[in-house]
Amino acid sequence: MRSVKKIKIVLDITVLICSVLFNLCFFYVIHKSMWIQIPIGVVSILALADILVLLTPHDTKVRNAGEYKKMSGACQLVLLGEEERPLKSWDLAGKTALIIGKKNEEEEIDVDLEDCEYSTFIDPQHAVLNFCLDSWYVEDLGSQNGVKIKKVEDGGCYQVTNRPCRLSPGDIIFIANTRLLLT
């Protein structure tokens, strides 16, 4: 891949040099004919811009889910009990999606809330956490009792409806009345 990039850079430099030489040639030889200099000047500017883009360092490294998790700052989902006491936690390292609900024979669950105080209000597949574009998102899977988010930025509590909601570390997810803290 790097050799292809080097070849492209060499070809772009060649195009740039040729464009400049043609422009100079037409300027000195046919100085009254400006109509040909304009397209050649435009090609020269585009070639120069292309070379600058190629020479600018880009982060082309492919990341795995664990590296994205580190970038987002969130590493755990913590079940909170009374007085904000942590009862249970789920590691988010290397994960890109987690289904939240109650364990049953028909469907797989990543975050099982069957033993929680309010489990009767939790659907078998209540919500899903997805990791996308350096952030975690929560989405209601059509549950009967809904999903709410208490945002750490403003302390506001928001109902999750019709589309995923972006999460930040410190946000609390309410699955029925069960609280899950993203840390």
Protein backbone atom coordinates (compact mmCIF):
# COMPACT_ATOMS: atom_id res chain seq x y z
CA MET A 1 0.00 0.00 0.00
CA ARG A 2 2.83 2.41 0.78
CA SER A 3 4.49 1.78 -2.60
CA VAL A 4 1.23 2.70 -4.34
CA LYS A 5 1.14 5.95 -2.37
CA LYS A 6 4.78 6.69 -3.30
CA ILE A 7 4.03 6.07 -6.98
CA LYS A 8 1.02 8.39 -6.77
CA ILE A 9 3.13 11.11 -5.15
CA VAL A 10 5.80 10.80 -7.87
CA LEU A 11 3.16 10.97 -10.61
CA ASP A 12 1.49 13.97 -8.98
CA ILE A 13 4.83 15.78 -8.72
CA THR A 14 5.47 15.00 -12.39
CA VAL A 15 2.06 16.41 -13.35
CA LEU A 16 2.75 19.52 -11.27
CA ILE A 17 6.17 20.10 -12.86
CA CYS A 18 4.77 19.55 -16.36
CA SER A 19 1.90 21.94 -15.66
CA VAL A 20 4.26 24.63 -14.43
CA LEU A 21 6.58 24.16 -17.44
CA PHE A 22 3.69 24.33 -19.90
CA ASN A 23 2.38 27.42 -18.16
CA LEU A 24 5.79 29.12 -18.35
CA CYS A 25 6.20 28.06 -21.96
CA PHE A 26 2.86 29.50 -22.99
CA PHE A 27 3.47 32.63 -20.96
CA TYR A 28 6.75 33.39 -22.71
CA VAL A 29 5.95 32.08 -26.17
CA ILE A 30 2.31 33.09 -26.54
CA HIS A 31 1.95 35.81 -23.90
CA LYS A 32 -1.11 37.27 -25.63
CA SER A 33 -3.08 34.01 -25.46
CA MET A 34 -4.45 33.92 -21.90
CA TRP A 35 -7.24 31.40 -22.63
CA ILE A 36 -4.79 28.44 -22.56
CA GLN A 37 -3.01 29.63 -19.41
CA ILE A 38 -6.16 29.54 -17.28
CA PRO A 39 -6.84 25.76 -17.65
CA ILE A 40 -3.15 24.97 -17.20
CA GLY A 41 -3.06 27.15 -14.07
CA VAL A 42 -6.12 25.38 -12.68
CA VAL A 43 -4.51 21.97 -13.33
CA SER A 44 -1.34 23.18 -11.59
CA ILE A 45 -3.27 24.33 -8.52
CA LEU A 46 -5.21 21.03 -8.35
CA ALA A 47 -2.00 19.00 -8.65
CA LEU A 48 -0.40 21.06 -5.88
CA ALA A 49 -3.45 20.59 -3.64
CA ASP A 50 -3.39 16.82 -4.31
CA ILE A 51 0.27 16.61 -3.33
CA LEU A 52 -0.36 18.57 -0.13
CA VAL A 53 -3.18 16.17 0.81
CA LEU A 54 -0.97 13.15 0.13
CA LEU A 55 1.92 14.55 2.15
CA THR A 56 -0.28 15.43 5.14
CA PRO A 57 -0.08 12.64 7.74
CA HIS A 58 -3.35 10.78 8.23
CA ASP A 59 -4.33 8.28 10.92
CA THR A 60 -5.02 5.25 8.73
CA LYS A 61 -4.49 2.69 11.48
CA VAL A 62 -7.38 0.26 11.86
CA ARG A 63 -8.54 0.17 15.46
CA ASN A 64 -10.22 -2.65 17.29
CA ALA A 65 -13.20 -2.23 19.59
CA GLY A 66 -10.99 -2.12 22.71
CA GLU A 67 -9.07 0.87 21.40
CA TYR A 68 -12.32 2.69 20.56
CA LYS A 69 -13.55 1.97 24.06
CA LYS A 70 -10.45 3.65 25.50
CA MET A 71 -11.04 6.67 23.28
CA SER A 72 -14.63 7.04 24.44
CA GLY A 73 -13.64 6.87 28.10
CA ALA A 74 -16.36 4.35 29.04
CA CYS A 75 -15.19 0.97 30.28
CA GLN A 76 -17.97 -0.49 32.46
CA LEU A 77 -21.70 -0.64 32.90
CA VAL A 78 -22.52 -0.71 36.63
CA LEU A 79 -25.83 -1.76 38.18
CA LEU A 80 -26.64 0.69 40.99
CA GLY A 81 -28.56 -0.25 44.12
CA GLU A 82 -29.86 1.87 46.94
CA GLU A 83 -27.74 4.88 47.86
CA GLU A 84 -25.86 4.61 44.54
CA ARG A 85 -24.09 1.46 45.76
CA PRO A 86 -22.69 -0.70 42.89
CA LEU A 87 -24.23 -4.17 42.88
CA LYS A 88 -22.91 -5.70 39.68
CA SER A 89 -20.87 -4.62 36.65
CA TRP A 90 -20.29 -5.58 33.03
CA ASP A 91 -17.01 -4.91 31.23
CA LEU A 92 -17.34 -3.03 27.92
CA ALA A 93 -13.78 -3.79 26.72
CA GLY A 94 -13.78 -5.25 23.24
CA LYS A 95 -17.56 -5.05 22.92
CA THR A 96 -19.47 -3.28 20.17
CA ALA A 97 -23.02 -4.18 21.25
CA LEU A 98 -24.81 -5.43 24.37
CA ILE A 99 -28.44 -6.48 24.73
CA ILE A 100 -30.00 -5.43 28.06
CA GLY A 101 -32.94 -7.39 29.42
CA LYS A 102 -33.92 -10.55 31.29
CA LYS A 103 -32.48 -13.95 30.58
CA ASN A 104 -34.82 -16.44 28.94
CA GLU A 105 -34.56 -19.62 26.89
CA GLU A 106 -35.36 -18.03 23.53
CA GLU A 107 -33.09 -14.97 23.40
CA GLU A 108 -29.50 -14.17 24.35
CA ILE A 109 -28.85 -11.36 26.80
CA ASP A 110 -25.52 -9.66 27.55
CA VAL A 111 -26.70 -7.60 30.53
CA ASP A 112 -29.07 -9.80 32.55
CA LEU A 113 -31.29 -7.82 34.96
CA GLU A 114 -33.42 -10.80 36.02
CA ASP A 115 -32.31 -10.55 39.69
CA CYS A 116 -33.07 -6.82 40.00
CA GLU A 117 -35.74 -5.39 42.26
CA TYR A 118 -37.81 -4.11 39.33
CA SER A 119 -37.25 -7.08 37.00
CA THR A 120 -41.00 -7.57 36.48
CA PHE A 121 -41.00 -4.28 34.53
CA ILE A 122 -38.06 -5.31 32.30
CA ASP A 123 -38.67 -6.96 28.90
CA PRO A 124 -36.62 -9.98 27.78
CA GLN A 125 -34.88 -7.72 25.24
CA HIS A 126 -35.45 -4.24 26.65
CA ALA A 127 -32.62 -2.12 25.18
CA VAL A 128 -29.35 -2.33 23.32
CA LEU A 129 -26.02 -0.54 23.79
CA ASN A 130 -24.07 0.00 20.57
CA PHE A 131 -20.57 1.37 20.10
CA CYS A 132 -20.21 3.55 17.02
CA LEU A 133 -17.96 6.47 16.03
CA ASP A 134 -16.07 6.62 19.34
CA SER A 135 -19.23 6.69 21.49
CA TRP A 136 -21.74 4.38 23.14
CA TYR A 137 -25.41 4.72 22.21
CA VAL A 138 -28.50 3.27 23.87
CA GLU A 139 -31.65 2.35 21.99
CA ASP A 140 -35.03 1.17 23.27
CA LEU A 141 -36.04 -2.12 21.64
CA GLY A 142 -39.76 -1.37 21.84
CA SER A 143 -40.05 -2.09 25.55
CA GLN A 144 -43.29 -1.60 27.46
CA ASN A 145 -41.78 0.52 30.24
CA GLY A 146 -39.22 2.45 28.20
CA VAL A 147 -35.66 3.64 28.64
CA LYS A 148 -34.55 6.96 30.14
CA ILE A 149 -31.16 8.62 30.40
CA LYS A 150 -29.97 10.95 33.14
CA LYS A 151 -27.25 12.97 31.43
CA VAL A 152 -24.15 13.85 33.44
CA GLU A 153 -23.68 17.15 31.53
CA ASP A 154 -26.91 18.82 32.63
CA GLY A 155 -28.51 16.40 35.11
CA GLY A 156 -31.61 16.22 32.88
CA CYS A 157 -33.56 13.02 32.46
CA TYR A 158 -34.59 12.16 28.89
CA GLN A 159 -36.85 9.48 27.43
CA VAL A 160 -35.18 7.40 24.67
CA THR A 161 -37.65 7.16 21.78
CA ASN A 162 -37.41 6.34 18.07
CA ARG A 163 -33.64 6.72 17.75
CA PRO A 164 -30.42 5.92 19.62
CA CYS A 165 -29.22 8.30 22.32
CA ARG A 166 -25.51 9.10 22.66
CA LEU A 167 -24.03 8.30 26.07
CA SER A 168 -21.16 9.82 28.01
CA PRO A 169 -19.26 8.37 30.97
CA GLY A 170 -21.28 9.24 34.08
CA ASP A 171 -24.68 8.96 32.38
CA ILE A 172 -27.27 6.79 34.14
CA ILE A 173 -29.51 4.54 32.05
CA PHE A 174 -32.93 3.75 33.52
CA ILE A 175 -34.29 0.38 32.36
CA ALA A 176 -37.77 0.59 33.90
CA ASN A 177 -36.66 1.72 37.42
CA THR A 178 -33.34 -0.13 37.33
CA ARG A 179 -30.30 2.16 37.15
CA LEU A 180 -27.19 1.38 35.11
CA LEU A 181 -24.20 3.76 35.31
CA LEU A 182 -21.83 4.07 32.36
CA THR A 183 -18.30 4.56 33.73
